[in-house]
Amino acid sequence: MTKIKLALLTTAALAAAGIAYASPRADLNADGEVTQAEFMAAATTRFVNADSNADGMLTKDEMKAARTASREARADKKFQNLDSNGDGVVSKSEYDAKRAERSAKMQERRDVNGDGTVDAADREARKEKYAAKKAERETRRAERAANGDTRGEKRDGKKGKRGMRGPKPDTNGDGVVTRAEYEASTLAMFERLDKNSDGVLTKGEAGKRGKRGKRGGGQR
């Protein structure tokens, strides 16, 4: 099953508030899809972690601190990944080795038949593999529907607009984001990302938030 590579939620800020909605880790059961429950659970964990005084609200200072901590954590993880011997310095040999490792992994993924070369046969095999996984997802969704699972039904026949920034969490404009405001904006984000309204996010849905045009040129 295709893994969700979202630095979304997924990967980041709660839209205008700056707290991440979710991430690849939101796929709690590792089945390659993020359900609404998983999405909400991952985002709520981030809210709780950012709420440093545990008062059920996020202030601007708390949101700023959460963004800073998130950036620092990502930077540390990236550095540690490069610093293979853990000496606190990334040498050219370490950098080159990591680059070669990434290149080898990419080559391995592309070489579907394992013959050491990437050719038309591999490209066709990748297409077939993708088609098989897509069919599997559709089968699972059909089974859920047959069992009366209504996840993904449009609420009141409406869907939020796509291709724009996420909903503003601080709906009453009082300068803080309450738990209720946060959960409402998180749910709205999920519904906007769930393009086919089936109640789960897949790689294609999570990776594309709608057409926005070139950076700086999209509609605001």
C-alpha atoms as a PDB file:
ATOM      1  CA  MET A   1       0.000   0.000   0.000  1.00  0.00           C
ATOM      2  CA  THR A   2       1.396   3.390  -0.948  1.00  0.00           C
ATOM      3  CA  LYS A   3       2.933   5.218   1.961  1.00  0.00           C
ATOM      4  CA  ILE A   4       1.827   8.775   2.524  1.00  0.00           C
ATOM      5  CA  LYS A   5       4.751  11.102   2.048  1.00  0.00           C
ATOM      6  CA  LEU A   6       3.177  14.145   3.378  1.00  0.00           C
ATOM      7  CA  ALA A   7       5.053  16.772   4.965  1.00  0.00           C
ATOM      8  CA  LEU A   8       1.514  18.020   5.655  1.00  0.00           C
ATOM      9  CA  LEU A   9       0.019  17.641   7.928  1.00  0.00           C
ATOM     10  CA  THR A  10       0.829  16.036   7.266  1.00  0.00           C
ATOM     11  CA  THR A  11       5.426  17.351   7.400  1.00  0.00           C
ATOM     12  CA  ALA A  12       4.970  22.739   9.594  1.00  0.00           C
ATOM     13  CA  ALA A  13       2.179  24.849  10.712  1.00  0.00           C
ATOM     14  CA  LEU A  14      -1.453  24.758  11.631  1.00  0.00           C
ATOM     15  CA  ALA A  15      -2.238  26.883   8.624  1.00  0.00           C
ATOM     16  CA  ALA A  16      -2.254  30.482   9.795  1.00  0.00           C
ATOM     17  CA  ALA A  17      -1.571  29.464  13.393  1.00  0.00           C
ATOM     18  CA  GLY A  18       1.679  27.705  12.662  1.00  0.00           C
ATOM     19  CA  ILE A  19       1.011  24.326  14.319  1.00  0.00           C
ATOM     20  CA  ALA A  20       1.259  21.233  12.120  1.00  0.00           C
ATOM     21  CA  TYR A  21      -1.974  19.444  11.304  1.00  0.00           C
ATOM     22  CA  ALA A  22      -0.258  16.111  10.840  1.00  0.00           C
ATOM     23  CA  SER A  23       2.621  14.233   9.248  1.00  0.00           C
ATOM     24  CA  PRO A  24       3.524  10.832   7.828  1.00  0.00           C
ATOM     25  CA  ARG A  25       3.434   9.670  11.442  1.00  0.00           C
ATOM     26  CA  ALA A  26      -0.312  10.297  11.367  1.00  0.00           C
ATOM     27  CA  ASP A  27      -0.639   6.918   9.644  1.00  0.00           C
ATOM     28  CA  LEU A  28      -0.830   5.179  13.016  1.00  0.00           C
ATOM     29  CA  ASN A  29      -1.545   1.675  11.733  1.00  0.00           C
ATOM     30  CA  ALA A  30       0.972   1.966   8.853  1.00  0.00           C
ATOM     31  CA  ASP A  31      -1.531   0.859   6.195  1.00  0.00           C
ATOM     32  CA  GLY A  32      -0.532   3.587   3.759  1.00  0.00           C
ATOM     33  CA  GLU A  33      -3.622   5.724   4.391  1.00  0.00           C
ATOM     34  CA  VAL A  34      -4.465   8.400   6.945  1.00  0.00           C
ATOM     35  CA  THR A  35      -8.024   8.209   8.242  1.00  0.00           C
ATOM     36  CA  GLN A  36      -9.862  11.152   9.731  1.00  0.00           C
ATOM     37  CA  ALA A  37      -9.398   9.689  13.218  1.00  0.00           C
ATOM     38  CA  GLU A  38      -5.652   9.292  12.682  1.00  0.00           C
ATOM     39  CA  PHE A  39      -5.412  12.806  11.243  1.00  0.00           C
ATOM     40  CA  MET A  40      -7.209  14.320  14.225  1.00  0.00           C
ATOM     41  CA  ALA A  41      -5.250  12.276  16.769  1.00  0.00           C
ATOM     42  CA  ALA A  42      -1.865  13.285  15.346  1.00  0.00           C
ATOM     43  CA  ALA A  43      -2.854  16.947  15.162  1.00  0.00           C
ATOM     44  CA  THR A  44      -4.262  16.937  18.697  1.00  0.00           C
ATOM     45  CA  THR A  45      -0.985  15.525  20.003  1.00  0.00           C
ATOM     46  CA  ARG A  46       0.813  18.460  18.433  1.00  0.00           C
ATOM     47  CA  PHE A  47      -1.641  20.893  19.994  1.00  0.00           C
ATOM     48  CA  VAL A  48      -1.088  19.403  23.444  1.00  0.00           C
ATOM     49  CA  ASN A  49       2.688  19.522  23.019  1.00  0.00           C
ATOM     50  CA  ALA A  50       2.543  23.169  21.949  1.00  0.00           C
ATOM     51  CA  ASP A  51       0.241  24.150  24.843  1.00  0.00           C
ATOM     52  CA  SER A  52       3.111  24.627  27.281  1.00  0.00           C
ATOM     53  CA  ASN A  53       0.991  25.826  30.221  1.00  0.00           C
ATOM     54  CA  ALA A  54      -1.775  23.264  29.584  1.00  0.00           C
ATOM     55  CA  ASP A  55      -4.567  25.849  29.680  1.00  0.00           C
ATOM     56  CA  GLY A  56      -6.283  24.507  26.546  1.00  0.00           C
ATOM     57  CA  MET A  57      -5.325  27.531  24.438  1.00  0.00           C
ATOM     58  CA  LEU A  58      -2.412  28.424  22.199  1.00  0.00           C
ATOM     59  CA  THR A  59      -1.052  31.947  22.443  1.00  0.00           C
ATOM     60  CA  LYS A  60       1.102  33.613  19.788  1.00  0.00           C
ATOM     61  CA  ASP A  61       4.175  32.995  21.946  1.00  0.00           C
ATOM     62  CA  GLU A  62       3.358  29.298  22.285  1.00  0.00           C
ATOM     63  CA  MET A  63       2.789  28.962  18.554  1.00  0.00           C
ATOM     64  CA  LYS A  64       6.053  30.765  17.815  1.00  0.00           C
ATOM     65  CA  ALA A  65       7.915  28.515  20.255  1.00  0.00           C
ATOM     66  CA  ALA A  66       6.358  25.423  18.647  1.00  0.00           C
ATOM     67  CA  ARG A  67       7.452  26.524  15.177  1.00  0.00           C
ATOM     68  CA  THR A  68      10.969  27.219  16.409  1.00  0.00           C
ATOM     69  CA  ALA A  69      11.204  23.867  18.179  1.00  0.00           C
ATOM     70  CA  SER A  70       9.928  22.079  15.071  1.00  0.00           C
ATOM     71  CA  ARG A  71      12.500  23.776  12.828  1.00  0.00           C
ATOM     72  CA  GLU A  72      15.311  22.979  15.249  1.00  0.00           C
ATOM     73  CA  ALA A  73      14.236  19.351  15.564  1.00  0.00           C
ATOM     74  CA  ARG A  74      14.172  18.927  11.779  1.00  0.00           C
ATOM     75  CA  ALA A  75      17.572  20.567  11.434  1.00  0.00           C
ATOM     76  CA  ASP A  76      19.064  18.364  14.174  1.00  0.00           C
ATOM     77  CA  LYS A  77      17.648  15.214  12.612  1.00  0.00           C
ATOM     78  CA  LYS A  78      18.997  16.158   9.190  1.00  0.00           C
ATOM     79  CA  PHE A  79      22.438  16.926  10.626  1.00  0.00           C
ATOM     80  CA  GLN A  80      22.580  13.680  12.611  1.00  0.00           C
ATOM     81  CA  ASN A  81      21.641  11.758   9.503  1.00  0.00           C
ATOM     82  CA  LEU A  82      24.606  13.264   7.676  1.00  0.00           C
ATOM     83  CA  ASP A  83      27.046  13.023  10.602  1.00  0.00           C
ATOM     84  CA  SER A  84      27.496   9.251  10.372  1.00  0.00           C
ATOM     85  CA  ASN A  85      30.335   9.018  12.928  1.00  0.00           C
ATOM     86  CA  GLY A  86      28.663  11.349  15.429  1.00  0.00           C
ATOM     87  CA  ASP A  87      31.632  13.658  15.871  1.00  0.00           C
ATOM     88  CA  GLY A  88      29.594  16.841  15.459  1.00  0.00           C
ATOM     89  CA  VAL A  89      31.089  17.633  12.053  1.00  0.00           C
ATOM     90  CA  VAL A  90      29.863  16.716   8.570  1.00  0.00           C
ATOM     91  CA  SER A  91      32.869  16.023   6.373  1.00  0.00           C
ATOM     92  CA  LYS A  92      32.830  15.981   2.589  1.00  0.00           C
ATOM     93  CA  SER A  93      33.238  12.206   2.623  1.00  0.00           C
ATOM     94  CA  GLU A  94      30.181  11.841   4.880  1.00  0.00           C
ATOM     95  CA  TYR A  95      28.162  14.155   2.656  1.00  0.00           C
ATOM     96  CA  ASP A  96      29.213  12.308  -0.501  1.00  0.00           C
ATOM     97  CA  ALA A  97      28.487   8.942   1.098  1.00  0.00           C
ATOM     98  CA  LYS A  98      24.964   9.979   2.064  1.00  0.00           C
ATOM     99  CA  ARG A  99      24.362  11.381  -1.406  1.00  0.00           C
ATOM    100  CA  ALA A 100      25.529   8.117  -2.978  1.00  0.00           C
ATOM    101  CA  GLU A 101      23.270   6.183  -0.611  1.00  0.00           C
ATOM    102  CA  ARG A 102      20.223   8.192  -1.670  1.00  0.00           C
ATOM    103  CA  SER A 103      21.117   7.712  -5.325  1.00  0.00           C
ATOM    104  CA  ALA A 104      21.480   3.952  -4.846  1.00  0.00           C
ATOM    105  CA  LYS A 105      18.107   3.700  -3.101  1.00  0.00           C
ATOM    106  CA  MET A 106      16.418   5.640  -5.883  1.00  0.00           C
ATOM    107  CA  GLN A 107      18.026   3.391  -8.480  1.00  0.00           C
ATOM    108  CA  GLU A 108      16.858   0.326  -6.563  1.00  0.00           C
ATOM    109  CA  ARG A 109      13.264   1.572  -6.465  1.00  0.00           C
ATOM    110  CA  ARG A 110      13.279   2.295 -10.179  1.00  0.00           C
ATOM    111  CA  ASP A 111      14.856  -1.046 -11.094  1.00  0.00           C
ATOM    112  CA  VAL A 112      11.671  -3.027 -10.482  1.00  0.00           C
ATOM    113  CA  ASN A 113      12.874  -6.272 -12.066  1.00  0.00           C
ATOM    114  CA  GLY A 114      16.265  -6.088 -10.356  1.00  0.00           C
ATOM    115  CA  ASP A 115      18.378  -6.536 -13.490  1.00  0.00           C
ATOM    116  CA  GLY A 116      20.663  -3.600 -12.672  1.00  0.00           C
ATOM    117  CA  THR A 117      19.295  -1.235 -15.295  1.00  0.00           C
ATOM    118  CA  VAL A 118      16.269   1.058 -15.496  1.00  0.00           C
ATOM    119  CA  ASP A 119      14.467   0.674 -18.800  1.00  0.00           C
ATOM    120  CA  ALA A 120      11.026   0.655 -20.390  1.00  0.00           C
ATOM    121  CA  ALA A 121      10.209  -2.687 -18.768  1.00  0.00           C
ATOM    122  CA  ASP A 122      10.778  -1.180 -15.328  1.00  0.00           C
ATOM    123  CA  ARG A 123       8.619   1.832 -16.136  1.00  0.00           C
ATOM    124  CA  GLU A 124       5.807  -0.432 -17.303  1.00  0.00           C
ATOM    125  CA  ALA A 125       6.180  -2.563 -14.167  1.00  0.00           C
ATOM    126  CA  ARG A 126       5.900   0.538 -11.978  1.00  0.00           C
ATOM    127  CA  LYS A 127       2.689   1.510 -13.777  1.00  0.00           C
ATOM    128  CA  GLU A 128       1.247  -1.960 -13.223  1.00  0.00           C
ATOM    129  CA  LYS A 129       2.277  -1.891  -9.579  1.00  0.00           C
ATOM    130  CA  TYR A 130       0.605   1.469  -9.072  1.00  0.00           C
ATOM    131  CA  ALA A 131      -2.550   0.278 -10.838  1.00  0.00           C
ATOM    132  CA  ALA A 132      -2.681  -2.805  -8.601  1.00  0.00           C
ATOM    133  CA  LYS A 133      -2.362  -0.709  -5.446  1.00  0.00           C
ATOM    134  CA  LYS A 134      -5.025   1.683  -6.678  1.00  0.00           C
ATOM    135  CA  ALA A 135      -7.364  -1.237  -7.352  1.00  0.00           C
ATOM    136  CA  GLU A 136      -6.664  -2.562  -3.864  1.00  0.00           C
ATOM    137  CA  ARG A 137      -7.580   0.793  -2.318  1.00  0.00           C
ATOM    138  CA  GLU A 138     -10.788   0.958  -4.330  1.00  0.00           C
ATOM    139  CA  THR A 139     -11.704  -2.554  -3.201  1.00  0.00           C
ATOM    140  CA  ARG A 140     -11.191  -1.632   0.423  1.00  0.00           C
ATOM    141  CA  ARG A 141     -13.309   1.476   0.036  1.00  0.00           C
ATOM    142  CA  ALA A 142     -16.069  -0.516  -1.618  1.00  0.00           C
ATOM    143  CA  GLU A 143     -15.972  -3.018   1.241  1.00  0.00           C
ATOM    144  CA  ARG A 144     -16.264  -0.205   3.776  1.00  0.00           C
ATOM    145  CA  ALA A 145     -19.222   1.234   1.899  1.00  0.00           C
ATOM    146  CA  ALA A 146     -20.885  -2.176   1.741  1.00  0.00           C
ATOM    147  CA  ASN A 147     -20.496  -2.466   5.509  1.00  0.00           C
ATOM    148  CA  GLY A 148     -22.284   0.845   6.016  1.00  0.00           C
ATOM    149  CA  ASP A 149     -19.135   2.877   6.691  1.00  0.00           C
ATOM    150  CA  THR A 150     -20.127   6.438   5.750  1.00  0.00           C
ATOM    151  CA  ARG A 151     -16.736   8.050   6.291  1.00  0.00           C
ATOM    152  CA  GLY A 152     -16.118  10.466   3.486  1.00  0.00           C
ATOM    153  CA  GLU A 153     -19.727  11.459   2.832  1.00  0.00           C
ATOM    154  CA  LYS A 154     -19.997  15.175   2.134  1.00  0.00           C
ATOM    155  CA  ARG A 155     -21.370  17.086   5.065  1.00  0.00           C
ATOM    156  CA  ASP A 156     -24.555  18.896   3.981  1.00  0.00           C
ATOM    157  CA  GLY A 157     -23.463  18.284   0.383  1.00  0.00           C
ATOM    158  CA  LYS A 158     -20.711  20.879   0.683  1.00  0.00           C
ATOM    159  CA  LYS A 159     -16.967  20.732   0.357  1.00  0.00           C
ATOM    160  CA  GLY A 160     -14.525  23.471   1.187  1.00  0.00           C
ATOM    161  CA  LYS A 161     -12.732  25.259  -1.594  1.00  0.00           C
ATOM    162  CA  ARG A 162      -9.360  23.879  -2.592  1.00  0.00           C
ATOM    163  CA  GLY A 163      -6.225  25.586  -3.763  1.00  0.00           C
ATOM    164  CA  MET A 164      -6.115  28.100  -0.919  1.00  0.00           C
ATOM    165  CA  ARG A 165      -4.510  28.298   2.485  1.00  0.00           C
ATOM    166  CA  GLY A 166      -5.945  26.273   5.334  1.00  0.00           C
ATOM    167  CA  PRO A 167      -8.803  27.586   7.476  1.00  0.00           C
ATOM    168  CA  LYS A 168      -7.904  30.245  10.006  1.00  0.00           C
ATOM    169  CA  PRO A 169      -7.833  28.573  13.451  1.00  0.00           C
ATOM    170  CA  ASP A 170      -8.425  31.733  15.500  1.00  0.00           C
ATOM    171  CA  THR A 171     -11.985  32.135  14.269  1.00  0.00           C
ATOM    172  CA  ASN A 172     -13.047  34.806  16.768  1.00  0.00           C
ATOM    173  CA  GLY A 173      -9.877  36.866  16.339  1.00  0.00           C
ATOM    174  CA  ASP A 174      -9.071  37.087  20.047  1.00  0.00           C
ATOM    175  CA  GLY A 175      -5.390  36.287  19.571  1.00  0.00           C
ATOM    176  CA  VAL A 176      -5.468  32.729  20.949  1.00  0.00           C
ATOM    177  CA  VAL A 177      -6.465  29.365  19.472  1.00  0.00           C
ATOM    178  CA  THR A 178      -8.707  27.292  21.704  1.00  0.00           C
ATOM    179  CA  ARG A 179      -8.946  23.508  21.532  1.00  0.00           C
ATOM    180  CA  ALA A 180     -12.396  23.788  19.929  1.00  0.00           C
ATOM    181  CA  GLU A 181     -11.167  26.243  17.284  1.00  0.00           C
ATOM    182  CA  TYR A 182      -8.169  24.039  16.606  1.00  0.00           C
ATOM    183  CA  GLU A 183     -10.223  20.872  16.174  1.00  0.00           C
ATOM    184  CA  ALA A 184     -12.715  22.626  13.904  1.00  0.00           C
ATOM    185  CA  SER A 185      -9.984  23.994  11.629  1.00  0.00           C
ATOM    186  CA  THR A 186      -8.194  20.627  11.611  1.00  0.00           C
ATOM    187  CA  LEU A 187     -11.375  18.841  10.523  1.00  0.00           C
ATOM    188  CA  ALA A 188     -11.965  21.455   7.821  1.00  0.00           C
ATOM    189  CA  MET A 189      -8.409  20.907   6.555  1.00  0.00           C
ATOM    190  CA  PHE A 190      -8.932  17.157   6.401  1.00  0.00           C
ATOM    191  CA  GLU A 191     -12.133  17.541   4.406  1.00  0.00           C
ATOM    192  CA  ARG A 192     -10.425  19.921   2.004  1.00  0.00           C
ATOM    193  CA  LEU A 193      -7.512  17.524   1.467  1.00  0.00           C
ATOM    194  CA  ASP A 194      -9.798  14.510   1.062  1.00  0.00           C
ATOM    195  CA  LYS A 195     -10.494  15.233  -2.592  1.00  0.00           C
ATOM    196  CA  ASN A 196     -12.572  12.133  -3.299  1.00  0.00           C
ATOM    197  CA  SER A 197     -14.476  12.327   0.007  1.00  0.00           C
ATOM    198  CA  ASP A 198     -13.762   8.712   0.974  1.00  0.00           C
ATOM    199  CA  GLY A 199     -12.666   9.499   4.526  1.00  0.00           C
ATOM    200  CA  VAL A 200      -8.980   8.687   4.043  1.00  0.00           C
ATOM    201  CA  LEU A 201      -5.963  10.547   2.692  1.00  0.00           C
ATOM    202  CA  THR A 202      -3.694   8.840   0.200  1.00  0.00           C
ATOM    203  CA  LYS A 203      -0.378   9.979  -1.219  1.00  0.00           C
ATOM    204  CA  GLY A 204      -1.909  11.832  -4.162  1.00  0.00           C
ATOM    205  CA  GLU A 205      -4.427  13.718  -2.032  1.00  0.00           C
ATOM    206  CA  ALA A 206      -1.983  14.643   0.727  1.00  0.00           C
ATOM    207  CA  GLY A 207       0.691  15.794  -1.673  1.00  0.00           C
ATOM    208  CA  LYS A 208      -1.498  18.158  -3.701  1.00  0.00           C
ATOM    209  CA  ARG A 209      -3.495  20.871  -1.979  1.00  0.00           C
ATOM    210  CA  GLY A 210      -4.935  22.226  -5.172  1.00  0.00           C
ATOM    211  CA  LYS A 211      -3.533  24.374  -7.947  1.00  0.00           C
ATOM    212  CA  ARG A 212      -1.957  27.541  -6.710  1.00  0.00           C
ATOM    213  CA  GLY A 213       0.211  28.532  -9.582  1.00  0.00           C
ATOM    214  CA  LYS A 214       3.816  29.529  -9.206  1.00  0.00           C
ATOM    215  CA  ARG A 215       5.080  30.708  -5.873  1.00  0.00           C
ATOM    216  CA  GLY A 216       4.102  34.255  -5.316  1.00  0.00           C
ATOM    217  CA  GLY A 217       1.743  34.181  -8.258  1.00  0.00           C
ATOM    218  CA  GLY A 218      -1.219  32.314  -6.836  1.00  0.00           C
ATOM    219  CA  GLN A 219      -4.369  33.923  -5.668  1.00  0.00           C
ATOM    220  CA  ARG A 220      -4.366  35.103  -2.097  1.00  0.00           C
END
